[in-house]
């Protein structure tokens, strides 16, 4: 009984760590894309002026 709870807790911890890393990667990718998008937007705005 106790072993099952312990092993499932370990699996949960590993799963959440993986999930956190995945979220970090996605967030970094979004931030990087956002910066490029903002630069393009600024260039376009300068052209309009």
N, C-alpha and C. Protein backbone atom coordinates (compact mmCIF):
# COMPACT_ATOMS: atom_id res chain seq x y z
N UNK A 1 0.83 -1.21 0.00
CA UNK A 1 0.00 0.00 0.00
C UNK A 1 0.87 1.26 0.00
N UNK A 2 1.77 1.32 0.96
CA UNK A 2 2.63 2.50 1.06
C UNK A 2 3.54 2.66 -0.14
N UNK A 3 4.00 1.52 -0.67
CA UNK A 3 4.90 1.54 -1.83
C UNK A 3 4.20 2.15 -3.04
N UNK A 4 2.94 1.79 -3.23
CA UNK A 4 2.19 2.31 -4.38
C UNK A 4 2.07 3.83 -4.32
N UNK A 5 1.75 4.35 -3.14
CA UNK A 5 1.61 5.79 -2.96
C UNK A 5 2.96 6.47 -3.24
N UNK A 6 4.03 5.88 -2.72
CA UNK A 6 5.36 6.47 -2.89
C UNK A 6 5.77 6.51 -4.35
N UNK A 7 5.59 5.38 -5.06
CA UNK A 7 6.00 5.32 -6.46
C UNK A 7 5.15 6.25 -7.33
N UNK A 8 3.88 6.36 -7.03
CA UNK A 8 3.03 7.25 -7.83
C UNK A 8 3.40 8.70 -7.58
N UNK A 9 3.85 9.02 -6.35
CA UNK A 9 4.30 10.37 -6.04
C UNK A 9 5.55 10.69 -6.84
N UNK A 10 6.48 9.73 -6.91
CA UNK A 10 7.71 9.93 -7.68
C UNK A 10 7.38 10.16 -9.15
N UNK A 11 6.46 9.37 -9.68
CA UNK A 11 6.05 9.53 -11.08
C UNK A 11 5.44 10.92 -11.28
N UNK A 12 4.63 11.37 -10.35
CA UNK A 12 4.01 12.69 -10.45
C UNK A 12 5.06 13.79 -10.47
N UNK A 13 6.06 13.67 -9.59
CA UNK A 13 7.13 14.67 -9.52
C UNK A 13 7.88 14.73 -10.85
N UNK A 14 8.23 13.56 -11.39
CA UNK A 14 8.94 13.51 -12.67
C UNK A 14 8.07 14.12 -13.76
N UNK A 15 6.80 13.80 -13.75
CA UNK A 15 5.85 14.30 -14.76
C UNK A 15 5.75 15.82 -14.69
N UNK A 16 5.63 16.36 -13.48
CA UNK A 16 5.51 17.81 -13.32
C UNK A 16 6.79 18.54 -13.71
N UNK A 17 7.94 17.93 -13.41
CA UNK A 17 9.22 18.53 -13.83
C UNK A 17 9.27 18.62 -15.35
N UNK A 18 8.88 17.55 -16.02
CA UNK A 18 8.85 17.54 -17.48
C UNK A 18 7.90 18.58 -18.03
N UNK A 19 6.76 18.72 -17.38
CA UNK A 19 5.75 19.68 -17.79
C UNK A 19 6.29 21.11 -17.64
N UNK A 20 6.98 21.37 -16.52
CA UNK A 20 7.57 22.69 -16.29
C UNK A 20 8.59 23.03 -17.36
N UNK A 21 9.46 22.06 -17.70
CA UNK A 21 10.47 22.29 -18.72
C UNK A 21 9.82 22.59 -20.06
N UNK A 22 8.76 21.86 -20.36
CA UNK A 22 8.04 22.07 -21.62
C UNK A 22 7.43 23.47 -21.65
N UNK A 23 6.83 23.89 -20.55
CA UNK A 23 6.24 25.23 -20.46
C UNK A 23 7.31 26.30 -20.64
N UNK A 24 8.49 26.09 -20.03
CA UNK A 24 9.59 27.04 -20.18
C UNK A 24 10.00 27.18 -21.63
N UNK A 25 10.14 26.04 -22.32
CA UNK A 25 10.54 26.06 -23.73
C UNK A 25 9.51 26.81 -24.56
N UNK A 26 8.24 26.53 -24.32
CA UNK A 26 7.17 27.18 -25.08
C UNK A 26 7.16 28.69 -24.79
N UNK A 27 7.31 29.06 -23.53
CA UNK A 27 7.32 30.47 -23.15
C UNK A 27 8.48 31.21 -23.80
N UNK A 28 9.67 30.58 -23.79
CA UNK A 28 10.84 31.21 -24.41
C UNK A 28 10.63 31.38 -25.90
N UNK A 29 10.03 30.38 -26.53
CA UNK A 29 9.77 30.45 -27.98
C UNK A 29 8.80 31.58 -28.27
N UNK A 30 7.76 31.71 -27.45
CA UNK A 30 6.76 32.77 -27.64
C UNK A 30 7.41 34.13 -27.46
N UNK A 31 8.24 34.28 -26.43
CA UNK A 31 8.91 35.55 -26.16
C UNK A 31 9.81 35.92 -27.34
N UNK A 32 10.57 34.93 -27.84
CA UNK A 32 11.47 35.16 -28.97
C UNK A 32 10.68 35.61 -30.19
N UNK A 33 9.58 34.91 -30.48
CA UNK A 33 8.74 35.25 -31.63
C UNK A 33 8.12 36.63 -31.45
N UNK A 34 7.74 36.95 -30.22
CA UNK A 34 7.14 38.24 -29.92
C UNK A 34 8.11 39.38 -30.20
N UNK A 35 9.38 39.20 -29.80
CA UNK A 35 10.38 40.24 -30.04
C UNK A 35 10.55 40.49 -31.53
N UNK A 36 10.64 39.41 -32.30
CA UNK A 36 10.78 39.54 -33.75
C UNK A 36 9.55 40.22 -34.34
N UNK A 37 8.39 39.85 -33.84
CA UNK A 37 7.13 40.43 -34.32
C UNK A 37 7.08 41.92 -34.00
N UNK A 38 7.49 42.31 -32.79
CA UNK A 38 7.48 43.71 -32.39
C UNK A 38 8.45 44.53 -33.24
N UNK A 39 9.62 43.94 -33.56
CA UNK A 39 10.59 44.64 -34.41
C UNK A 39 9.99 44.91 -35.79
N UNK A 40 9.33 43.90 -36.35
CA UNK A 40 8.71 44.06 -37.66
C UNK A 40 7.61 45.11 -37.61
N UNK A 41 6.84 45.08 -36.54
CA UNK A 41 5.75 46.03 -36.36
C UNK A 41 6.30 47.45 -36.29
N UNK A 42 7.40 47.63 -35.54
CA UNK A 42 8.02 48.95 -35.43
C UNK A 42 8.52 49.45 -36.77
N UNK A 43 9.12 48.56 -37.56
CA UNK A 43 9.60 48.94 -38.90
C UNK A 43 8.43 49.40 -39.76
N UNK A 44 7.33 48.65 -39.70
CA UNK A 44 6.15 49.01 -40.49
C UNK A 44 5.57 50.34 -40.03
N UNK A 45 5.56 50.58 -38.73
CA UNK A 45 5.03 51.84 -38.21
C UNK A 45 5.89 53.01 -38.65
N UNK A 46 7.20 52.82 -38.68
CA UNK A 46 8.11 53.88 -39.13
C UNK A 46 7.88 54.19 -40.60
N UNK A 47 7.60 53.16 -41.40
CA UNK A 47 7.32 53.37 -42.82
C UNK A 47 6.05 54.20 -42.99
N UNK A 48 5.06 53.96 -42.14
CA UNK A 48 3.80 54.68 -42.24
C UNK A 48 3.98 56.16 -41.92
N UNK A 49 4.88 56.47 -40.98
CA UNK A 49 5.15 57.86 -40.62
C UNK A 49 5.91 58.50 -41.76
